[in-house]
Amino acid sequence: MVGVVTYRDLVHALARDDTLIAADVRRRLDLYGGATRWTVSVLGGEVALGDGCRDQFNRNIALRVAESVLGVTACRFVE
């Protein structure tokens, strides 16, 4: 045995700064819906998305896109 990986080691390896998460989510959503369509804010890994169009189909896709970003712990829409 070479070493032991602890839960704390994994959290440190996967934890990302909120600004990095927000930038990554914005970049991916810009590719999907255009540069000005979505608003993104992140606090403690939780992503809050905003969208002026209330199209449920596109919102579901946006949620899945945001959830795929490393470091995102939760994702929701805000009105």
C-alpha atoms as a PDB file:
ATOM      1  CA  MET A   1       0.000   0.000   0.000  1.00  0.00           C
ATOM      2  CA  VAL A   2       1.349   3.392  -0.995  1.00  0.00           C
ATOM      3  CA  GLY A   3      -1.090   5.687   0.812  1.00  0.00           C
ATOM      4  CA  VAL A   4      -4.642   6.345   1.851  1.00  0.00           C
ATOM      5  CA  VAL A   5      -6.979   8.791   0.131  1.00  0.00           C
ATOM      6  CA  THR A   6      -9.371  10.414   2.582  1.00  0.00           C
ATOM      7  CA  TYR A   7     -12.670  12.204   2.046  1.00  0.00           C
ATOM      8  CA  ARG A   8     -10.910  15.471   2.847  1.00  0.00           C
ATOM      9  CA  ASP A   9      -8.369  14.796   0.077  1.00  0.00           C
ATOM     10  CA  LEU A  10     -11.190  14.282  -2.417  1.00  0.00           C
ATOM     11  CA  VAL A  11     -13.028  17.453  -1.365  1.00  0.00           C
ATOM     12  CA  HIS A  12      -9.852  19.502  -1.775  1.00  0.00           C
ATOM     13  CA  ALA A  13      -9.201  18.002  -5.187  1.00  0.00           C
ATOM     14  CA  LEU A  14     -12.741  18.655  -6.444  1.00  0.00           C
ATOM     15  CA  ALA A  15     -13.508  21.977  -4.734  1.00  0.00           C
ATOM     16  CA  ARG A  16     -13.425  24.972  -7.028  1.00  0.00           C
ATOM     17  CA  ASP A  17     -13.786  28.677  -6.438  1.00  0.00           C
ATOM     18  CA  ASP A  18     -17.252  30.107  -7.142  1.00  0.00           C
ATOM     19  CA  THR A  19     -15.866  32.539  -9.732  1.00  0.00           C
ATOM     20  CA  LEU A  20     -14.301  29.668 -11.683  1.00  0.00           C
ATOM     21  CA  ILE A  21     -17.531  27.691 -11.531  1.00  0.00           C
ATOM     22  CA  ALA A  22     -19.566  30.710 -12.697  1.00  0.00           C
ATOM     23  CA  ALA A  23     -17.207  31.370 -15.598  1.00  0.00           C
ATOM     24  CA  ASP A  24     -17.373  27.736 -16.690  1.00  0.00           C
ATOM     25  CA  VAL A  25     -21.192  27.637 -16.463  1.00  0.00           C
ATOM     26  CA  ARG A  26     -21.476  30.923 -18.403  1.00  0.00           C
ATOM     27  CA  ARG A  27     -19.146  29.690 -21.128  1.00  0.00           C
ATOM     28  CA  ARG A  28     -21.127  26.489 -21.610  1.00  0.00           C
ATOM     29  CA  LEU A  29     -24.506  28.235 -21.548  1.00  0.00           C
ATOM     30  CA  ASP A  30     -23.278  30.888 -23.994  1.00  0.00           C
ATOM     31  CA  LEU A  31     -22.532  28.084 -26.444  1.00  0.00           C
ATOM     32  CA  TYR A  32     -26.033  26.719 -25.974  1.00  0.00           C
ATOM     33  CA  GLY A  33     -28.266  29.800 -25.916  1.00  0.00           C
ATOM     34  CA  GLY A  34     -26.219  32.853 -26.809  1.00  0.00           C
ATOM     35  CA  ALA A  35     -24.058  35.217 -24.816  1.00  0.00           C
ATOM     36  CA  THR A  36     -26.832  37.317 -23.273  1.00  0.00           C
ATOM     37  CA  ARG A  37     -29.588  34.778 -22.663  1.00  0.00           C
ATOM     38  CA  TRP A  38     -28.715  33.452 -19.192  1.00  0.00           C
ATOM     39  CA  THR A  39     -27.661  35.095 -15.952  1.00  0.00           C
ATOM     40  CA  VAL A  40     -25.456  33.045 -13.645  1.00  0.00           C
ATOM     41  CA  SER A  41     -24.507  33.492 -10.013  1.00  0.00           C
ATOM     42  CA  VAL A  42     -22.753  30.994  -7.763  1.00  0.00           C
ATOM     43  CA  LEU A  43     -22.544  30.868  -3.986  1.00  0.00           C
ATOM     44  CA  GLY A  44     -20.896  27.942  -2.240  1.00  0.00           C
ATOM     45  CA  GLY A  45     -21.068  25.832  -5.380  1.00  0.00           C
ATOM     46  CA  GLU A  46     -24.824  26.390  -5.781  1.00  0.00           C
ATOM     47  CA  VAL A  47     -25.709  27.863  -9.166  1.00  0.00           C
ATOM     48  CA  ALA A  48     -28.634  30.269  -9.575  1.00  0.00           C
ATOM     49  CA  LEU A  49     -29.711  30.749 -13.187  1.00  0.00           C
ATOM     50  CA  GLY A  50     -31.901  33.455 -14.619  1.00  0.00           C
ATOM     51  CA  ASP A  51     -33.705  33.522 -17.940  1.00  0.00           C
ATOM     52  CA  GLY A  52     -36.144  36.086 -19.304  1.00  0.00           C
ATOM     53  CA  CYS A  53     -37.852  33.535 -21.588  1.00  0.00           C
ATOM     54  CA  ARG A  54     -39.727  31.032 -19.432  1.00  0.00           C
ATOM     55  CA  ASP A  55     -39.365  28.125 -21.836  1.00  0.00           C
ATOM     56  CA  GLN A  56     -39.332  25.001 -19.656  1.00  0.00           C
ATOM     57  CA  PHE A  57     -37.614  22.822 -22.281  1.00  0.00           C
ATOM     58  CA  ASN A  58     -34.615  25.184 -22.566  1.00  0.00           C
ATOM     59  CA  ARG A  59     -34.529  25.689 -18.806  1.00  0.00           C
ATOM     60  CA  ASN A  60     -34.221  21.944 -18.249  1.00  0.00           C
ATOM     61  CA  ILE A  61     -31.346  21.771 -20.705  1.00  0.00           C
ATOM     62  CA  ALA A  62     -29.666  24.775 -19.049  1.00  0.00           C
ATOM     63  CA  LEU A  63     -29.950  23.060 -15.654  1.00  0.00           C
ATOM     64  CA  ARG A  64     -28.317  19.902 -17.006  1.00  0.00           C
ATOM     65  CA  VAL A  65     -25.548  21.920 -18.662  1.00  0.00           C
ATOM     66  CA  ALA A  66     -24.850  23.807 -15.409  1.00  0.00           C
ATOM     67  CA  GLU A  67     -24.955  20.621 -13.315  1.00  0.00           C
ATOM     68  CA  SER A  68     -22.295  19.070 -15.539  1.00  0.00           C
ATOM     69  CA  VAL A  69     -19.701  21.638 -14.453  1.00  0.00           C
ATOM     70  CA  LEU A  70     -17.150  20.372 -11.945  1.00  0.00           C
ATOM     71  CA  GLY A  71     -17.733  21.900  -8.516  1.00  0.00           C
ATOM     72  CA  VAL A  72     -21.482  22.551  -8.886  1.00  0.00           C
ATOM     73  CA  THR A  73     -23.325  21.206  -5.846  1.00  0.00           C
ATOM     74  CA  ALA A  74     -26.857  22.326  -6.775  1.00  0.00           C
ATOM     75  CA  CYS A  75     -28.590  24.254  -9.535  1.00  0.00           C
ATOM     76  CA  ARG A  76     -31.870  26.173  -9.651  1.00  0.00           C
ATOM     77  CA  PHE A  77     -33.672  28.967 -11.477  1.00  0.00           C
ATOM     78  CA  VAL A  78     -34.470  32.253  -9.822  1.00  0.00           C
ATOM     79  CA  GLU A  79     -37.288  34.526 -10.917  1.00  0.00           C
END
